[in-house]
Amino acid sequence: MNISAVLFDVDGVLLNSAGAHRKVWDAWSEARGLDPEKVWELTFGRRPEDTVMDVAAHLDPATERRTLDRLLAEEMGGIQPVEGAPGLLESLSGSAWAIVTSGSRDFVRARFAATGLALPAVQVYADDVRHAKPAPDCFALAASRLGVPASECLVVEDAPAGIQAAVAAGCVAVGLTTTHTENALGQAHLCVASLAEVRSLLTAYGFGAGGW
């Protein structure tokens, strides 16, 4: 298999943000009389406004997104890199890689800067595409910007919606079991439990080997 680029989701893959996001969504859900558990299940790998449309169609998604962003800003200090993320990203210097996230540009860049994580030249955010995950648009856009066929892109995702998007785009989908079980990520071509395994996998495929 020829792997020419690697595409990373951010939350749950490079940033350990589930705790902070859970606080935000629980507070938001309770304030609006919604079931926090049901809402939480629909948040992974998706744009907040898309979740809002699904669980509270009577509310304005843009307004609620601003509220959610304000709540998340209060929790940003508790969001740290996933174990192994700094070393993995540093090892990719000079290789073709990108981040592909349903998060906001300002939030992701702020957390990467605060935690010292390297940012790639190619970054695809929620507002860069019309149709977000589980649609394939975001991964197709990242591959296009990198000048690499989608079939030669290895995607690292932790959420079912992200895996579905990667598969639909024709990428090699690797499920990272940080937030979901291997069974929940059943559409993935394979699953791993850590970024150390991702690094080993990339080495096995010969990706970036010259820089390691």
N, C-alpha and C. Protein backbone atom coordinates (compact mmCIF):
# COMPACT_ATOMS: atom_id res chain seq x y z
N MET A 1 0.85 -1.19 0.00
CA MET A 1 0.00 0.00 0.00
C MET A 1 0.89 1.25 0.00
N ASN A 2 0.58 2.19 -0.89
CA ASN A 2 1.37 3.41 -0.99
C ASN A 2 0.71 4.52 -0.20
N ILE A 3 1.36 4.97 0.88
CA ILE A 3 0.85 6.06 1.69
C ILE A 3 1.71 7.29 1.43
N SER A 4 1.10 8.35 0.89
CA SER A 4 1.84 9.57 0.55
C SER A 4 1.57 10.71 1.51
N ALA A 5 0.51 10.59 2.31
CA ALA A 5 0.17 11.66 3.25
C ALA A 5 -0.65 11.08 4.40
N VAL A 6 -0.61 11.76 5.54
CA VAL A 6 -1.42 11.34 6.68
C VAL A 6 -2.27 12.52 7.13
N LEU A 7 -3.53 12.24 7.40
CA LEU A 7 -4.51 13.26 7.78
C LEU A 7 -5.02 12.94 9.18
N PHE A 8 -4.88 13.90 10.09
CA PHE A 8 -5.29 13.69 11.47
C PHE A 8 -6.55 14.47 11.82
N ASP A 9 -7.49 13.80 12.44
CA ASP A 9 -8.52 14.51 13.18
C ASP A 9 -7.82 15.16 14.37
N VAL A 10 -8.47 16.07 15.07
CA VAL A 10 -7.82 16.76 16.20
C VAL A 10 -8.35 16.30 17.55
N ASP A 11 -9.62 16.55 17.83
CA ASP A 11 -10.17 16.19 19.15
C ASP A 11 -10.23 14.67 19.29
N GLY A 12 -9.62 14.16 20.35
CA GLY A 12 -9.61 12.72 20.57
C GLY A 12 -8.47 12.01 19.88
N VAL A 13 -7.78 12.71 18.98
CA VAL A 13 -6.64 12.13 18.26
C VAL A 13 -5.34 12.83 18.64
N LEU A 14 -5.34 14.15 18.54
CA LEU A 14 -4.16 14.93 18.91
C LEU A 14 -4.35 15.70 20.21
N LEU A 15 -5.60 16.08 20.49
CA LEU A 15 -5.91 16.79 21.73
C LEU A 15 -6.87 15.97 22.58
N ASN A 16 -6.55 15.84 23.85
CA ASN A 16 -7.41 15.12 24.79
C ASN A 16 -8.44 16.11 25.33
N SER A 17 -9.51 16.27 24.58
CA SER A 17 -10.48 17.32 24.87
C SER A 17 -11.85 16.81 25.28
N ALA A 18 -12.01 15.49 25.41
CA ALA A 18 -13.34 14.93 25.68
C ALA A 18 -13.92 15.45 26.99
N GLY A 19 -13.11 15.56 28.03
CA GLY A 19 -13.61 16.03 29.32
C GLY A 19 -14.15 17.45 29.24
N ALA A 20 -13.40 18.32 28.56
CA ALA A 20 -13.82 19.71 28.42
C ALA A 20 -15.09 19.81 27.58
N HIS A 21 -15.13 19.07 26.49
CA HIS A 21 -16.32 19.10 25.63
C HIS A 21 -17.54 18.54 26.36
N ARG A 22 -17.34 17.53 27.18
CA ARG A 22 -18.47 16.95 27.91
C ARG A 22 -19.06 17.97 28.88
N LYS A 23 -18.21 18.71 29.58
CA LYS A 23 -18.70 19.76 30.49
C LYS A 23 -19.53 20.79 29.74
N VAL A 24 -19.02 21.19 28.59
CA VAL A 24 -19.70 22.21 27.80
C VAL A 24 -21.05 21.72 27.31
N TRP A 25 -21.08 20.54 26.73
CA TRP A 25 -22.33 20.03 26.18
C TRP A 25 -23.34 19.70 27.28
N ASP A 26 -22.87 19.21 28.43
CA ASP A 26 -23.79 18.93 29.54
C ASP A 26 -24.43 20.23 30.04
N ALA A 27 -23.62 21.27 30.20
CA ALA A 27 -24.15 22.55 30.67
C ALA A 27 -25.14 23.13 29.67
N TRP A 28 -24.77 23.06 28.40
CA TRP A 28 -25.65 23.58 27.34
C TRP A 28 -26.96 22.80 27.30
N SER A 29 -26.89 21.48 27.36
CA SER A 29 -28.08 20.63 27.28
C SER A 29 -29.02 20.89 28.46
N GLU A 30 -28.48 20.94 29.65
CA GLU A 30 -29.30 21.15 30.84
C GLU A 30 -29.97 22.51 30.82
N ALA A 31 -29.26 23.53 30.32
CA ALA A 31 -29.83 24.88 30.26
C ALA A 31 -30.99 24.96 29.27
N ARG A 32 -31.02 24.04 28.33
CA ARG A 32 -32.08 24.05 27.32
C ARG A 32 -33.07 22.90 27.48
N GLY A 33 -33.01 22.23 28.61
CA GLY A 33 -33.99 21.18 28.91
C GLY A 33 -33.84 19.94 28.06
N LEU A 34 -32.62 19.66 27.62
CA LEU A 34 -32.37 18.49 26.77
C LEU A 34 -31.66 17.40 27.56
N ASP A 35 -31.76 16.17 27.09
CA ASP A 35 -31.10 15.05 27.73
C ASP A 35 -29.60 15.08 27.39
N PRO A 36 -28.73 15.34 28.38
CA PRO A 36 -27.30 15.45 28.10
C PRO A 36 -26.70 14.20 27.45
N GLU A 37 -27.16 13.02 27.86
CA GLU A 37 -26.61 11.79 27.30
C GLU A 37 -26.92 11.66 25.82
N LYS A 38 -28.15 11.96 25.45
CA LYS A 38 -28.56 11.85 24.05
C LYS A 38 -27.82 12.88 23.19
N VAL A 39 -27.65 14.07 23.75
CA VAL A 39 -26.94 15.11 23.01
C VAL A 39 -25.47 14.72 22.83
N TRP A 40 -24.85 14.25 23.90
CA TRP A 40 -23.42 13.90 23.88
C TRP A 40 -23.12 12.85 22.81
N GLU A 41 -24.00 11.90 22.65
CA GLU A 41 -23.79 10.83 21.67
C GLU A 41 -23.71 11.36 20.24
N LEU A 42 -24.28 12.53 20.01
CA LEU A 42 -24.35 13.09 18.66
C LEU A 42 -23.29 14.15 18.39
N THR A 43 -22.34 14.30 19.32
CA THR A 43 -21.36 15.38 19.16
C THR A 43 -20.06 14.94 18.50
N PHE A 44 -19.69 13.69 18.60
CA PHE A 44 -18.36 13.25 18.18
C PHE A 44 -18.13 13.38 16.68
N GLY A 45 -17.03 14.07 16.35
CA GLY A 45 -16.63 14.19 14.96
C GLY A 45 -17.49 15.10 14.11
N ARG A 46 -18.37 15.86 14.76
CA ARG A 46 -19.32 16.67 14.00
C ARG A 46 -19.21 18.14 14.38
N ARG A 47 -19.67 19.02 13.50
CA ARG A 47 -19.70 20.44 13.83
C ARG A 47 -20.77 20.66 14.89
N PRO A 48 -20.49 21.52 15.88
CA PRO A 48 -21.48 21.80 16.92
C PRO A 48 -22.84 22.23 16.37
N GLU A 49 -22.82 23.06 15.34
CA GLU A 49 -24.09 23.53 14.80
C GLU A 49 -24.90 22.40 14.17
N ASP A 50 -24.22 21.37 13.64
CA ASP A 50 -24.94 20.23 13.09
C ASP A 50 -25.60 19.42 14.20
N THR A 51 -24.91 19.30 15.34
CA THR A 51 -25.50 18.63 16.49
C THR A 51 -26.71 19.41 16.98
N VAL A 52 -26.58 20.71 17.05
CA VAL A 52 -27.70 21.55 17.50
C VAL A 52 -28.92 21.35 16.61
N MET A 53 -28.71 21.31 15.31
CA MET A 53 -29.83 21.12 14.38
C MET A 53 -30.53 19.79 14.61
N ASP A 54 -29.77 18.78 15.00
CA ASP A 54 -30.35 17.45 15.22
C ASP A 54 -31.13 17.37 16.52
N VAL A 55 -30.63 18.01 17.57
CA VAL A 55 -31.25 17.84 18.90
C VAL A 55 -32.19 18.96 19.29
N ALA A 56 -32.09 20.11 18.62
CA ALA A 56 -32.93 21.25 18.98
C ALA A 56 -33.19 22.10 17.74
N ALA A 57 -34.02 21.56 16.85
CA ALA A 57 -34.27 22.20 15.56
C ALA A 57 -34.91 23.59 15.71
N HIS A 58 -35.50 23.86 16.88
CA HIS A 58 -36.16 25.16 17.09
C HIS A 58 -35.17 26.26 17.44
N LEU A 59 -33.92 25.91 17.70
CA LEU A 59 -32.91 26.89 18.06
C LEU A 59 -32.07 27.28 16.84
N ASP A 60 -31.51 28.48 16.88
CA ASP A 60 -30.66 28.95 15.78
C ASP A 60 -29.26 28.38 15.94
N PRO A 61 -28.80 27.57 14.99
CA PRO A 61 -27.50 26.91 15.12
C PRO A 61 -26.34 27.88 15.28
N ALA A 62 -26.35 28.98 14.56
CA ALA A 62 -25.25 29.94 14.63
C ALA A 62 -25.17 30.59 16.01
N THR A 63 -26.33 30.93 16.56
CA THR A 63 -26.37 31.53 17.89
C THR A 63 -25.88 30.55 18.94
N GLU A 64 -26.35 29.32 18.84
CA GLU A 64 -25.94 28.30 19.82
C GLU A 64 -24.47 27.96 19.68
N ARG A 65 -23.93 28.00 18.47
CA ARG A 65 -22.50 27.75 18.27
C ARG A 65 -21.67 28.80 19.00
N ARG A 66 -22.11 30.05 18.95
CA ARG A 66 -21.38 31.10 19.66
C ARG A 66 -21.41 30.87 21.17
N THR A 67 -22.55 30.42 21.66
CA THR A 67 -22.67 30.10 23.09
C THR A 67 -21.75 28.95 23.46
N LEU A 68 -21.74 27.91 22.66
CA LEU A 68 -20.87 26.75 22.91
C LEU A 68 -19.41 27.14 22.85
N ASP A 69 -19.04 28.01 21.93
CA ASP A 69 -17.66 28.46 21.83
C ASP A 69 -17.25 29.24 23.07
N ARG A 70 -18.15 30.05 23.60
CA ARG A 70 -17.84 30.81 24.82
C ARG A 70 -17.63 29.85 26.00
N LEU A 71 -18.49 28.86 26.10
CA LEU A 71 -18.35 27.88 27.18
C LEU A 71 -17.05 27.10 27.05
N LEU A 72 -16.70 26.74 25.82
CA LEU A 72 -15.48 25.97 25.61
C LEU A 72 -14.24 26.80 25.93
N ALA A 73 -14.28 28.10 25.65
CA ALA A 73 -13.14 28.97 25.94
C ALA A 73 -12.79 28.93 27.43
N GLU A 74 -13.81 28.73 28.28
CA GLU A 74 -13.58 28.67 29.72
C GLU A 74 -12.90 27.38 30.14
N GLU A 75 -12.93 26.36 29.28
CA GLU A 75 -12.36 25.05 29.60
C GLU A 75 -11.04 24.79 28.88
N MET A 76 -10.58 25.73 28.11
CA MET A 76 -9.42 25.48 27.24
C MET A 76 -8.15 25.09 27.99
N GLY A 77 -7.99 25.63 29.19
CA GLY A 77 -6.78 25.33 29.95
C GLY A 77 -6.63 23.87 30.30
N GLY A 78 -7.72 23.15 30.34
CA GLY A 78 -7.67 21.73 30.70
C GLY A 78 -7.45 20.80 29.52
N ILE A 79 -7.34 21.35 28.33
CA ILE A 79 -7.17 20.52 27.14
C ILE A 79 -5.69 20.38 26.81
N GLN A 80 -5.20 19.16 26.85
CA GLN A 80 -3.79 18.87 26.64
C GLN A 80 -3.60 17.88 25.48
N PRO A 81 -2.39 17.76 24.97
CA PRO A 81 -2.14 16.81 23.87
C PRO A 81 -2.37 15.36 24.30
N VAL A 82 -2.83 14.55 23.40
CA VAL A 82 -2.90 13.11 23.61
C VAL A 82 -1.47 12.58 23.75
N GLU A 83 -1.28 11.58 24.58
CA GLU A 83 0.05 11.03 24.78
C GLU A 83 0.70 10.62 23.45
N GLY A 84 1.90 11.09 23.23
CA GLY A 84 2.62 10.76 22.01
C GLY A 84 2.42 11.74 20.87
N ALA A 85 1.47 12.68 21.02
CA ALA A 85 1.19 13.60 19.91
C ALA A 85 2.36 14.53 19.58
N PRO A 86 3.00 15.17 20.57
CA PRO A 86 4.09 16.09 20.22
C PRO A 86 5.21 15.41 19.43
N GLY A 87 5.67 14.26 19.90
CA GLY A 87 6.76 13.57 19.21
C GLY A 87 6.36 13.10 17.83
N LEU A 88 5.14 12.61 17.70
CA LEU A 88 4.68 12.13 16.40
C LEU A 88 4.65 13.26 15.38
N LEU A 89 4.08 14.40 15.77
CA LEU A 89 3.98 15.52 14.83
C LEU A 89 5.36 16.09 14.49
N GLU A 90 6.24 16.15 15.47
CA GLU A 90 7.59 16.63 15.19
C GLU A 90 8.30 15.71 14.20
N SER A 91 8.02 14.42 14.31
CA SER A 91 8.68 13.45 13.42
C SER A 91 8.20 13.56 11.98
N LEU A 92 7.07 14.24 11.78
CA LEU A 92 6.52 14.37 10.44
C LEU A 92 7.03 15.60 9.69
N SER A 93 7.93 16.34 10.33
CA SER A 93 8.50 17.53 9.67
C SER A 93 9.09 17.14 8.32
N GLY A 94 8.66 17.84 7.29
CA GLY A 94 9.15 17.55 5.95
C GLY A 94 8.31 16.54 5.20
N SER A 95 7.33 15.95 5.89
CA SER A 95 6.42 14.99 5.25
C SER A 95 5.09 15.65 4.94
N ALA A 96 4.30 15.03 4.11
CA ALA A 96 2.98 15.55 3.75
C ALA A 96 1.95 15.10 4.78
N TRP A 97 1.44 16.06 5.55
CA TRP A 97 0.40 15.73 6.52
C TRP A 97 -0.50 16.94 6.74
N ALA A 98 -1.67 16.68 7.31
CA ALA A 98 -2.64 17.75 7.52
C ALA A 98 -3.51 17.43 8.72
N ILE A 99 -4.18 18.46 9.24
CA ILE A 99 -5.23 18.24 10.23
C ILE A 99 -6.56 18.49 9.55
N VAL A 100 -7.55 17.66 9.88
CA VAL A 100 -8.88 17.76 9.29
C VAL A 100 -9.87 17.65 10.44
N THR A 101 -10.47 18.78 10.83
CA THR A 101 -11.25 18.81 12.05
C THR A 101 -12.60 19.48 11.87
N SER A 102 -13.55 19.08 12.69
CA SER A 102 -14.85 19.74 12.72
C SER A 102 -14.84 20.91 13.70
N GLY A 103 -13.69 21.15 14.31
CA GLY A 103 -13.55 22.25 15.25
C GLY A 103 -13.30 23.57 14.55
N SER A 104 -13.22 24.62 15.36
CA SER A 104 -13.03 25.96 14.79
C SER A 104 -11.55 26.28 14.65
N ARG A 105 -11.25 27.10 13.67
CA ARG A 105 -9.88 27.51 13.38
C ARG A 105 -9.23 28.19 14.59
N ASP A 106 -9.93 29.14 15.20
CA ASP A 106 -9.36 29.88 16.32
C ASP A 106 -9.05 28.97 17.50
N PHE A 107 -9.99 28.07 17.83
CA PHE A 107 -9.79 27.18 18.97
C PHE A 107 -8.60 26.26 18.75
N VAL A 108 -8.55 25.61 17.61
CA VAL A 108 -7.49 24.64 17.36
C VAL A 108 -6.12 25.33 17.34
N ARG A 109 -6.02 26.44 16.65
CA ARG A 109 -4.73 27.13 16.59
C ARG A 109 -4.29 27.61 17.96
N ALA A 110 -5.23 28.06 18.78
CA ALA A 110 -4.88 28.52 20.12
C ALA A 110 -4.37 27.38 20.99
N ARG A 111 -5.02 26.22 20.91
CA ARG A 111 -4.59 25.09 21.73
C ARG A 111 -3.27 24.51 21.24
N PHE A 112 -3.07 24.47 19.94
CA PHE A 112 -1.79 23.98 19.42
C PHE A 112 -0.66 24.91 19.87
N ALA A 113 -0.90 26.21 19.81
CA ALA A 113 0.13 27.17 20.22
C ALA A 113 0.41 27.04 21.71
N ALA A 114 -0.64 26.91 22.51
CA ALA A 114 -0.48 26.86 23.97
C ALA A 114 0.22 25.59 24.43
N THR A 115 0.02 24.50 23.70
CA THR A 115 0.60 23.22 24.11
C THR A 115 1.86 22.85 23.34
N GLY A 116 2.24 23.69 22.40
CA GLY A 116 3.47 23.45 21.66
C GLY A 116 3.37 22.43 20.55
N LEU A 117 2.17 22.08 20.15
CA LEU A 117 2.01 21.12 19.06
C LEU A 117 2.31 21.80 17.72
N ALA A 118 2.96 21.05 16.84
CA ALA A 118 3.27 21.58 15.51
C ALA A 118 2.01 21.63 14.66
N LEU A 119 1.87 22.70 13.90
CA LEU A 119 0.77 22.83 12.95
C LEU A 119 1.28 22.59 11.54
N PRO A 120 0.55 21.82 10.74
CA PRO A 120 0.97 21.59 9.36
C PRO A 120 0.58 22.75 8.46
N ALA A 121 1.12 22.77 7.27
CA ALA A 121 0.77 23.82 6.32
C ALA A 121 -0.68 23.69 5.87
N VAL A 122 -1.17 22.45 5.77
CA VAL A 122 -2.55 22.22 5.33
C VAL A 122 -3.43 21.94 6.54
N GLN A 123 -4.43 22.80 6.71
CA GLN A 123 -5.37 22.67 7.82
C GLN A 123 -6.79 22.83 7.26
N VAL A 124 -7.65 21.86 7.52
CA VAL A 124 -9.03 21.93 7.06
C VAL A 124 -9.94 22.00 8.28
N TYR A 125 -10.75 23.06 8.33
CA TYR A 125 -11.63 23.29 9.47
C TYR A 125 -13.10 23.17 9.06
N ALA A 126 -13.96 23.24 10.06
CA ALA A 126 -15.39 23.04 9.83
C ALA A 126 -15.96 23.97 8.78
N ASP A 127 -15.52 25.23 8.79
CA ASP A 127 -16.12 26.19 7.86
C ASP A 127 -15.45 26.22 6.49
N ASP A 128 -14.54 25.28 6.26
CA ASP A 128 -13.90 25.19 4.94
C ASP A 128 -14.70 24.36 3.94
N VAL A 129 -15.70 23.64 4.44
CA VAL A 129 -16.50 22.78 3.56
C VAL A 129 -17.99 23.04 3.80
N ARG A 130 -18.76 22.80 2.79
CA ARG A 130 -20.21 22.97 2.93
C ARG A 130 -20.81 21.81 3.73
N HIS A 131 -20.35 20.60 3.43
CA HIS A 131 -20.86 19.42 4.11
C HIS A 131 -19.76 18.83 4.99
N ALA A 132 -20.00 18.81 6.29
CA ALA A 132 -19.00 18.33 7.24
C ALA A 132 -19.10 16.82 7.42
N LYS A 133 -18.19 16.26 8.21
CA LYS A 133 -18.25 14.83 8.54
C LYS A 133 -19.65 14.50 9.04
N PRO A 134 -20.24 13.38 8.61
CA PRO A 134 -19.65 12.22 7.95
C PRO A 134 -19.53 12.30 6.42
N ALA A 135 -19.80 13.48 5.83
CA ALA A 135 -19.56 13.64 4.40
C ALA A 135 -18.05 13.62 4.13
N PRO A 136 -17.64 13.20 2.95
CA PRO A 136 -16.20 13.05 2.65
C PRO A 136 -15.49 14.34 2.26
N ASP A 137 -16.22 15.44 2.16
CA ASP A 137 -15.67 16.67 1.60
C ASP A 137 -14.38 17.14 2.26
N CYS A 138 -14.31 17.06 3.58
CA CYS A 138 -13.15 17.60 4.30
C CYS A 138 -11.87 16.84 3.97
N PHE A 139 -11.96 15.53 3.88
CA PHE A 139 -10.78 14.73 3.55
C PHE A 139 -10.40 14.87 2.08
N ALA A 140 -11.40 14.99 1.22
CA ALA A 140 -11.12 15.21 -0.20
C ALA A 140 -10.41 16.55 -0.39
N LEU A 141 -10.84 17.57 0.37
CA LEU A 141 -10.21 18.88 0.27
C LEU A 141 -8.76 18.84 0.76
N ALA A 142 -8.51 18.14 1.87
CA ALA A 142 -7.15 18.04 2.40
C ALA A 142 -6.23 17.34 1.40
N ALA A 143 -6.72 16.25 0.82
CA ALA A 143 -5.92 15.53 -0.18
C ALA A 143 -5.60 16.42 -1.37
N SER A 144 -6.61 17.19 -1.81
CA SER A 144 -6.42 18.09 -2.95
C SER A 144 -5.38 19.15 -2.64
N ARG A 145 -5.44 19.73 -1.44
CA ARG A 145 -4.49 20.76 -1.06
C ARG A 145 -3.07 20.22 -0.93
N LEU A 146 -2.96 18.96 -0.57
CA LEU A 146 -1.65 18.32 -0.46
C LEU A 146 -1.13 17.83 -1.81
N GLY A 147 -2.03 17.79 -2.80
CA GLY A 147 -1.65 17.29 -4.12
C GLY A 147 -1.44 15.79 -4.15
N VAL A 148 -2.22 15.08 -3.32
CA VAL A 148 -2.08 13.63 -3.18
C VAL A 148 -3.43 12.96 -3.44
N PRO A 149 -3.48 11.83 -4.13
CA PRO A 149 -4.75 11.12 -4.30
C PRO A 149 -5.31 10.70 -2.94
N ALA A 150 -6.61 10.79 -2.77
CA ALA A 150 -7.23 10.41 -1.50
C ALA A 150 -6.89 8.96 -1.14
N SER A 151 -6.74 8.12 -2.15
CA SER A 151 -6.45 6.70 -1.90
C SER A 151 -5.06 6.49 -1.30
N GLU A 152 -4.20 7.52 -1.37
CA GLU A 152 -2.86 7.44 -0.79
C GLU A 152 -2.76 8.20 0.53
N CYS A 153 -3.91 8.58 1.08
CA CYS A 153 -3.95 9.29 2.36
C CYS A 153 -4.38 8.34 3.47
N LEU A 154 -3.62 8.29 4.54
CA LEU A 154 -3.99 7.52 5.72
C LEU A 154 -4.63 8.50 6.71
N VAL A 155 -5.84 8.21 7.12
CA VAL A 155 -6.59 9.08 8.04
C VAL A 155 -6.61 8.46 9.43
N VAL A 156 -6.32 9.27 10.46
CA VAL A 156 -6.40 8.82 11.84
C VAL A 156 -7.58 9.52 12.49
N GLU A 157 -8.59 8.74 12.88
CA GLU A 157 -9.85 9.27 13.41
C GLU A 157 -10.26 8.48 14.65
N ASP A 158 -10.98 9.16 15.57
CA ASP A 158 -11.47 8.48 16.77
C ASP A 158 -12.98 8.35 16.81
N ALA A 159 -13.68 8.95 15.86
CA ALA A 159 -15.14 8.98 15.90
C ALA A 159 -15.75 8.29 14.68
N PRO A 160 -16.89 7.64 14.88
CA PRO A 160 -17.57 6.97 13.76
C PRO A 160 -17.84 7.90 12.57
N ALA A 161 -18.25 9.14 12.84
CA ALA A 161 -18.54 10.07 11.75
C ALA A 161 -17.29 10.36 10.94
N GLY A 162 -16.15 10.45 11.61
CA GLY A 162 -14.90 10.71 10.92
C GLY A 162 -14.44 9.52 10.09
N ILE A 163 -14.59 8.33 10.65
CA ILE A 163 -14.24 7.12 9.91
C ILE A 163 -15.12 7.00 8.67
N GLN A 164 -16.41 7.26 8.83
CA GLN A 164 -17.33 7.18 7.70
C GLN A 164 -16.92 8.16 6.61
N ALA A 165 -16.52 9.36 7.00
CA ALA A 165 -16.10 10.38 6.03
C ALA A 165 -14.83 9.95 5.31
N ALA A 166 -13.88 9.39 6.06
CA ALA A 166 -12.61 8.97 5.46
C ALA A 166 -12.83 7.85 4.45
N VAL A 167 -13.64 6.88 4.81
CA VAL A 167 -13.92 5.76 3.91
C VAL A 167 -14.63 6.25 2.65
N ALA A 168 -15.60 7.16 2.84
CA ALA A 168 -16.34 7.70 1.70
C ALA A 168 -15.43 8.49 0.76
N ALA A 169 -14.37 9.09 1.32
CA ALA A 169 -13.44 9.85 0.50
C ALA A 169 -12.44 8.96 -0.23
N GLY A 170 -12.42 7.67 0.13
CA GLY A 170 -11.49 6.74 -0.50
C GLY A 170 -10.15 6.64 0.18
N CYS A 171 -10.06 7.16 1.41
CA CYS A 171 -8.81 7.12 2.17
C CYS A 171 -8.66 5.80 2.92
N VAL A 172 -7.46 5.56 3.43
CA VAL A 172 -7.22 4.43 4.33
C VAL A 172 -7.56 4.91 5.74
N ALA A 173 -8.60 4.35 6.34
CA ALA A 173 -9.11 4.84 7.62
C ALA A 173 -8.57 4.01 8.78
N VAL A 174 -7.89 4.68 9.70
CA VAL A 174 -7.37 4.03 10.91
C VAL A 174 -8.13 4.57 12.11
N GLY A 175 -8.77 3.69 12.85
CA GLY A 175 -9.52 4.09 14.02
C GLY A 175 -8.64 4.10 15.26
N LEU A 176 -8.59 5.23 15.97
CA LEU A 176 -7.85 5.34 17.22
C LEU A 176 -8.86 5.24 18.36
N THR A 177 -8.71 4.21 19.19
CA THR A 177 -9.74 3.90 20.19
C THR A 177 -9.58 4.69 21.48
N THR A 178 -9.47 6.02 21.36
CA THR A 178 -9.37 6.88 22.54
C THR A 178 -10.74 7.25 23.10
N THR A 179 -11.74 7.37 22.24
CA THR A 179 -13.07 7.78 22.70
C THR A 179 -14.16 6.77 22.34
N HIS A 180 -13.87 5.86 21.42
CA HIS A 180 -14.85 4.86 21.00
C HIS A 180 -14.18 3.48 20.93
N THR A 181 -15.01 2.46 21.06
CA THR A 181 -14.49 1.10 20.98
C THR A 181 -14.20 0.71 19.53
N GLU A 182 -13.43 -0.33 19.37
CA GLU A 182 -13.13 -0.83 18.03
C GLU A 182 -14.41 -1.22 17.31
N ASN A 183 -15.36 -1.77 18.04
CA ASN A 183 -16.63 -2.16 17.44
C ASN A 183 -17.38 -0.94 16.89
N ALA A 184 -17.33 0.18 17.64
CA ALA A 184 -18.01 1.39 17.20
C ALA A 184 -17.35 1.99 15.96
N LEU A 185 -16.07 1.68 15.78
CA LEU A 185 -15.33 2.19 14.63
C LEU A 185 -15.22 1.12 13.55
N GLY A 186 -16.24 0.32 13.45
CA GLY A 186 -16.24 -0.87 12.60
C GLY A 186 -15.94 -0.64 11.14
N GLN A 187 -16.19 0.57 10.62
CA GLN A 187 -15.91 0.84 9.21
C GLN A 187 -14.43 1.07 8.93
N ALA A 188 -13.64 1.26 9.99
CA ALA A 188 -12.20 1.51 9.81
C ALA A 188 -11.52 0.30 9.19
N HIS A 189 -10.48 0.56 8.42
CA HIS A 189 -9.72 -0.53 7.82
C HIS A 189 -8.94 -1.30 8.89
N LEU A 190 -8.53 -0.59 9.94
CA LEU A 190 -7.92 -1.21 11.11
C LEU A 190 -7.99 -0.23 12.26
N CYS A 191 -7.83 -0.75 13.49
CA CYS A 191 -7.89 0.09 14.68
C CYS A 191 -6.61 -0.07 15.49
N VAL A 192 -6.23 1.01 16.16
CA VAL A 192 -5.06 1.00 17.05
C VAL A 192 -5.46 1.69 18.35
N ALA A 193 -4.66 1.44 19.39
CA ALA A 193 -5.02 1.96 20.71
C ALA A 193 -4.23 3.21 21.11
N SER A 194 -3.18 3.56 20.36
CA SER A 194 -2.34 4.68 20.77
C SER A 194 -1.66 5.32 19.57
N LEU A 195 -1.14 6.54 19.79
CA LEU A 195 -0.40 7.21 18.73
C LEU A 195 0.95 6.54 18.49
N ALA A 196 1.46 5.84 19.50
CA ALA A 196 2.69 5.08 19.30
C ALA A 196 2.46 4.01 18.23
N GLU A 197 1.27 3.39 18.25
CA GLU A 197 0.95 2.39 17.24
C GLU A 197 0.76 3.05 15.87
N VAL A 198 0.23 4.26 15.87
CA VAL A 198 0.09 4.99 14.60
C VAL A 198 1.47 5.24 14.01
N ARG A 199 2.40 5.65 14.85
CA ARG A 199 3.76 5.93 14.38
C ARG A 199 4.41 4.67 13.82
N SER A 200 4.22 3.57 14.51
CA SER A 200 4.77 2.30 14.02
C SER A 200 4.15 1.90 12.70
N LEU A 201 2.86 2.15 12.58
CA LEU A 201 2.14 1.82 11.36
C LEU A 201 2.67 2.63 10.18
N LEU A 202 2.88 3.93 10.41
CA LEU A 202 3.41 4.79 9.35
C LEU A 202 4.80 4.34 8.93
N THR A 203 5.60 3.94 9.91
CA THR A 203 6.94 3.44 9.60
C THR A 203 6.86 2.17 8.75
N ALA A 204 5.93 1.30 9.11
CA ALA A 204 5.76 0.05 8.36
C ALA A 204 5.36 0.32 6.91
N TYR A 205 4.58 1.39 6.71
CA TYR A 205 4.17 1.75 5.36
C TYR A 205 5.24 2.54 4.62
N GLY A 206 6.35 2.85 5.33
CA GLY A 206 7.42 3.59 4.70
C GLY A 206 7.18 5.07 4.61
N PHE A 207 6.17 5.56 5.34
CA PHE A 207 5.84 6.99 5.28
C PHE A 207 6.74 7.76 6.23
N GLY A 208 7.43 8.76 5.69
CA GLY A 208 8.26 9.62 6.51
C GLY A 208 9.48 8.94 7.09
N ALA A 209 9.80 7.75 6.61
CA ALA A 209 10.89 7.00 7.22
C ALA A 209 12.22 7.75 7.19
N GLY A 210 12.41 8.57 6.17
CA GLY A 210 13.66 9.31 6.08
C GLY A 210 13.84 10.31 7.20
N GLY A 211 12.71 10.79 7.76
CA GLY A 211 12.80 11.77 8.83
C GLY A 211 12.84 11.15 10.21
N TRP A 212 12.72 9.82 10.29
CA TRP A 212 12.69 9.18 11.60
C TRP A 212 14.00 8.47 11.83
